[in-house]
């Protein structure tokens, strides 16, 4: 699905084996005419490298809270202001917890606190972690604040367990992001 308007999407990639799907989501959004900026957390960098995303987007990948643009403006503030949508994919249980309490130890969480853009989250974690009451409470509180969720999906997880916790397929995440952008009127 090609977008007529060039939306600005920030994708936050956290520390999950599903981080490779974020590259597929990024590629799909770029092909749909979105300007995509990627924030790769320290955990995310354990699974996928910044070069993957800079190659797909032809843009700088933010890996630190201390990144600045050429004018000396902190990247997390610039991205928060510019974004039409923030997509956290994959989102770990830890990420959901940080979002719930408003923790801002890194660039991604600082952007999430500073933005007025819609937020879409694609969880990915072990099923036991997803089903834990603390995670479910975090999800409900985030939903009550207007955060949108896609997934997780049922299936064989990377840890070898079968259960609910897989990140949705990249195509569905990208399509949902584009639909949310069109719906939000940004």
Protein backbone atom coordinates (compact mmCIF):
# COMPACT_ATOMS: atom_id res chain seq x y z
CA UNK A 1 0.00 0.00 0.00
CA UNK A 2 1.65 3.24 -1.22
CA UNK A 3 0.92 6.40 0.72
CA UNK A 4 0.31 9.65 -1.18
CA UNK A 5 1.57 11.77 1.71
CA UNK A 6 5.08 11.23 3.00
CA UNK A 7 4.49 10.34 6.62
CA UNK A 8 7.30 10.51 9.15
CA UNK A 9 7.53 7.32 11.19
CA UNK A 10 9.89 6.64 14.07
CA UNK A 11 10.51 2.95 14.72
CA UNK A 12 11.88 1.94 18.11
CA UNK A 13 13.60 -1.44 18.07
CA UNK A 14 14.10 -3.14 21.45
CA UNK A 15 16.01 -6.23 22.60
CA UNK A 16 14.08 -9.18 21.20
CA UNK A 17 14.96 -11.89 18.72
CA UNK A 18 12.08 -10.44 16.67
CA UNK A 19 14.26 -7.38 15.92
CA UNK A 20 14.91 -8.81 12.45
CA UNK A 21 11.21 -8.24 11.70
CA UNK A 22 11.75 -4.53 12.36
CA UNK A 23 14.00 -4.43 9.30
CA UNK A 24 11.17 -5.90 7.22
CA UNK A 25 8.70 -3.38 8.67
CA UNK A 26 11.15 -0.56 7.94
CA UNK A 27 11.56 -1.69 4.35
CA UNK A 28 7.78 -1.93 3.84
CA UNK A 29 7.20 1.58 5.23
CA UNK A 30 9.99 3.07 3.10
CA UNK A 31 8.45 1.40 0.03
CA UNK A 32 5.10 2.96 1.04
CA UNK A 33 6.73 6.42 0.78
CA UNK A 34 7.29 6.96 4.51
CA UNK A 35 10.31 8.81 5.85
CA UNK A 36 11.52 6.39 8.52
CA UNK A 37 13.85 7.13 11.42
CA UNK A 38 15.00 4.24 13.58
CA UNK A 39 15.94 4.30 17.24
CA UNK A 40 17.84 1.16 18.17
CA UNK A 41 18.06 0.50 21.91
CA UNK A 42 21.11 -1.06 23.50
CA UNK A 43 19.19 -4.34 23.76
CA UNK A 44 18.09 -4.10 20.15
CA UNK A 45 21.73 -3.76 19.10
CA UNK A 46 22.38 -7.19 20.58
CA UNK A 47 20.16 -8.65 17.81
CA UNK A 48 20.56 -6.32 14.81
CA UNK A 49 23.02 -3.61 13.83
CA UNK A 50 22.42 0.07 12.98
CA UNK A 51 23.91 -0.47 9.50
CA UNK A 52 20.90 -2.61 8.55
CA UNK A 53 18.51 0.26 9.22
CA UNK A 54 20.69 3.03 7.77
CA UNK A 55 20.97 0.94 4.60
CA UNK A 56 17.17 0.62 4.39
CA UNK A 57 16.33 4.23 5.28
CA UNK A 58 19.42 6.14 4.08
CA UNK A 59 19.19 7.99 7.38
CA UNK A 60 21.17 8.14 10.61
CA UNK A 61 20.12 5.53 13.18
CA UNK A 62 19.78 6.86 16.72
CA UNK A 63 21.51 4.60 19.24
CA UNK A 64 22.07 6.99 22.14
CA UNK A 65 20.13 9.48 24.19
CA UNK A 66 23.00 11.87 23.52
CA UNK A 67 22.72 11.88 19.69
CA UNK A 68 22.23 15.38 18.25
CA UNK A 69 21.42 16.70 14.80
CA UNK A 70 23.71 19.13 12.93
CA UNK A 71 22.11 22.11 14.70
CA UNK A 72 22.84 20.62 18.13
CA UNK A 73 19.21 19.72 18.85
CA UNK A 74 18.88 16.43 20.77
CA UNK A 75 17.62 13.73 18.39
CA UNK A 76 15.02 12.53 20.86
CA UNK A 77 13.32 15.95 20.89
CA UNK A 78 13.58 16.47 17.13
CA UNK A 79 12.13 13.02 16.40
CA UNK A 80 9.36 13.44 18.96
CA UNK A 81 8.31 16.70 17.31
CA UNK A 82 8.57 15.47 13.71
CA UNK A 83 6.92 12.06 14.02
CA UNK A 84 3.50 11.34 12.60
CA UNK A 85 3.65 7.93 14.30
CA UNK A 86 5.92 6.13 16.76
CA UNK A 87 6.06 2.36 16.23
CA UNK A 88 7.75 0.20 18.86
CA UNK A 89 8.51 -3.10 17.15
CA UNK A 90 9.43 -5.38 18.75
CA UNK A 91 8.37 -4.28 22.22
CA UNK A 92 9.68 -6.37 25.12
CA UNK A 93 8.08 -6.74 28.55
CA UNK A 94 10.75 -4.39 29.89
CA UNK A 95 9.84 -1.81 27.25
CA UNK A 96 6.16 -1.97 28.19
CA UNK A 97 7.10 -1.48 31.84
CA UNK A 98 9.25 1.57 31.04
CA UNK A 99 6.46 3.06 28.95
CA UNK A 100 3.94 2.55 31.73
CA UNK A 101 6.00 4.32 34.38
CA UNK A 102 7.35 6.99 32.05
CA UNK A 103 10.97 5.92 32.43
CA UNK A 104 13.32 7.67 30.02
CA UNK A 105 16.75 6.04 30.35
CA UNK A 106 17.36 6.04 26.59
CA UNK A 107 16.49 7.80 23.33
CA UNK A 108 13.44 5.67 22.55
CA UNK A 109 11.73 6.20 25.88
CA UNK A 110 12.58 9.91 25.83
CA UNK A 111 10.90 10.21 22.40
CA UNK A 112 7.87 8.33 23.70
CA UNK A 113 7.55 10.79 26.60
CA UNK A 114 8.02 13.88 24.44
CA UNK A 115 5.79 13.06 21.46
CA UNK A 116 2.19 13.96 20.75
CA UNK A 117 2.10 11.46 17.84
CA UNK A 118 0.09 8.24 18.00
CA UNK A 119 2.00 5.25 19.38
CA UNK A 120 1.69 1.72 18.01
CA UNK A 121 3.26 -1.21 19.86
CA UNK A 122 4.03 -4.70 18.49
CA UNK A 123 4.90 -6.88 21.51
CA UNK A 124 7.30 -9.83 21.29
CA UNK A 125 8.32 -11.90 24.30
CA UNK A 126 8.05 -15.29 25.95
CA UNK A 127 4.41 -16.26 26.48
CA UNK A 128 4.86 -16.55 30.24
CA UNK A 129 6.15 -12.97 30.31
CA UNK A 130 3.25 -11.76 28.15
CA UNK A 131 0.66 -13.47 30.37
CA UNK A 132 2.19 -12.25 33.64
CA UNK A 133 -0.23 -10.01 35.54
CA UNK A 134 2.31 -7.16 35.64
CA UNK A 135 2.65 -7.16 31.84
CA UNK A 136 -1.10 -7.36 31.35
CA UNK A 137 -1.61 -4.47 33.78
CA UNK A 138 1.02 -2.44 31.89
CA UNK A 139 -0.78 -3.12 28.60
CA UNK A 140 -4.17 -2.10 30.00
CA UNK A 141 -2.78 1.13 31.44
CA UNK A 142 -1.01 1.96 28.17
CA UNK A 143 -4.21 1.28 26.20
CA UNK A 144 -6.12 3.58 28.57
CA UNK A 145 -3.60 6.30 27.64
CA UNK A 146 -4.31 5.81 23.94
CA UNK A 147 -1.43 3.52 22.97
CA UNK A 148 -2.39 1.15 20.15
CA UNK A 149 -1.34 -2.52 20.15
CA UNK A 150 -0.96 -5.10 17.39
CA UNK A 151 -0.48 -8.61 18.69
CA UNK A 152 1.17 -10.60 19.97
CA UNK A 153 0.51 -13.73 17.96
CA UNK A 154 0.27 -17.39 18.97
CA UNK A 155 2.95 -19.84 17.81
CA UNK A 156 6.34 -21.39 18.35
CA UNK A 157 8.51 -18.86 20.15
CA UNK A 158 12.27 -18.48 19.71
CA UNK A 159 12.80 -19.81 23.25
CA UNK A 160 11.28 -23.12 22.16
CA UNK A 161 7.95 -22.67 23.93
CA UNK A 162 4.61 -22.66 22.15
CA UNK A 163 2.40 -19.78 23.16
CA UNK A 164 1.23 -16.21 22.83
CA UNK A 165 4.15 -13.83 22.41
CA UNK A 166 5.28 -13.75 18.77
CA UNK A 167 5.50 -10.39 17.04
CA UNK A 168 2.95 -10.18 14.24
CA UNK A 169 4.26 -10.60 10.69
CA UNK A 170 6.06 -7.52 9.36
CA UNK A 171 3.56 -6.94 6.55
CA UNK A 172 0.66 -6.78 9.01
CA UNK A 173 2.56 -4.43 11.32
CA UNK A 174 3.37 -2.10 8.41
CA UNK A 175 -0.22 -2.20 7.12
CA UNK A 176 -1.56 -1.41 10.60
CA UNK A 177 0.91 1.49 10.93
CA UNK A 178 -0.18 2.92 7.57
CA UNK A 179 -3.87 2.53 8.46
CA UNK A 180 -3.29 4.31 11.79
CA UNK A 181 -1.47 7.14 10.00
CA UNK A 182 -4.33 7.57 7.55
CA UNK A 183 -6.88 7.42 10.37
CA UNK A 184 -5.04 9.92 12.60
CA UNK A 185 -5.02 12.56 9.88
CA UNK A 186 -1.38 13.53 10.46
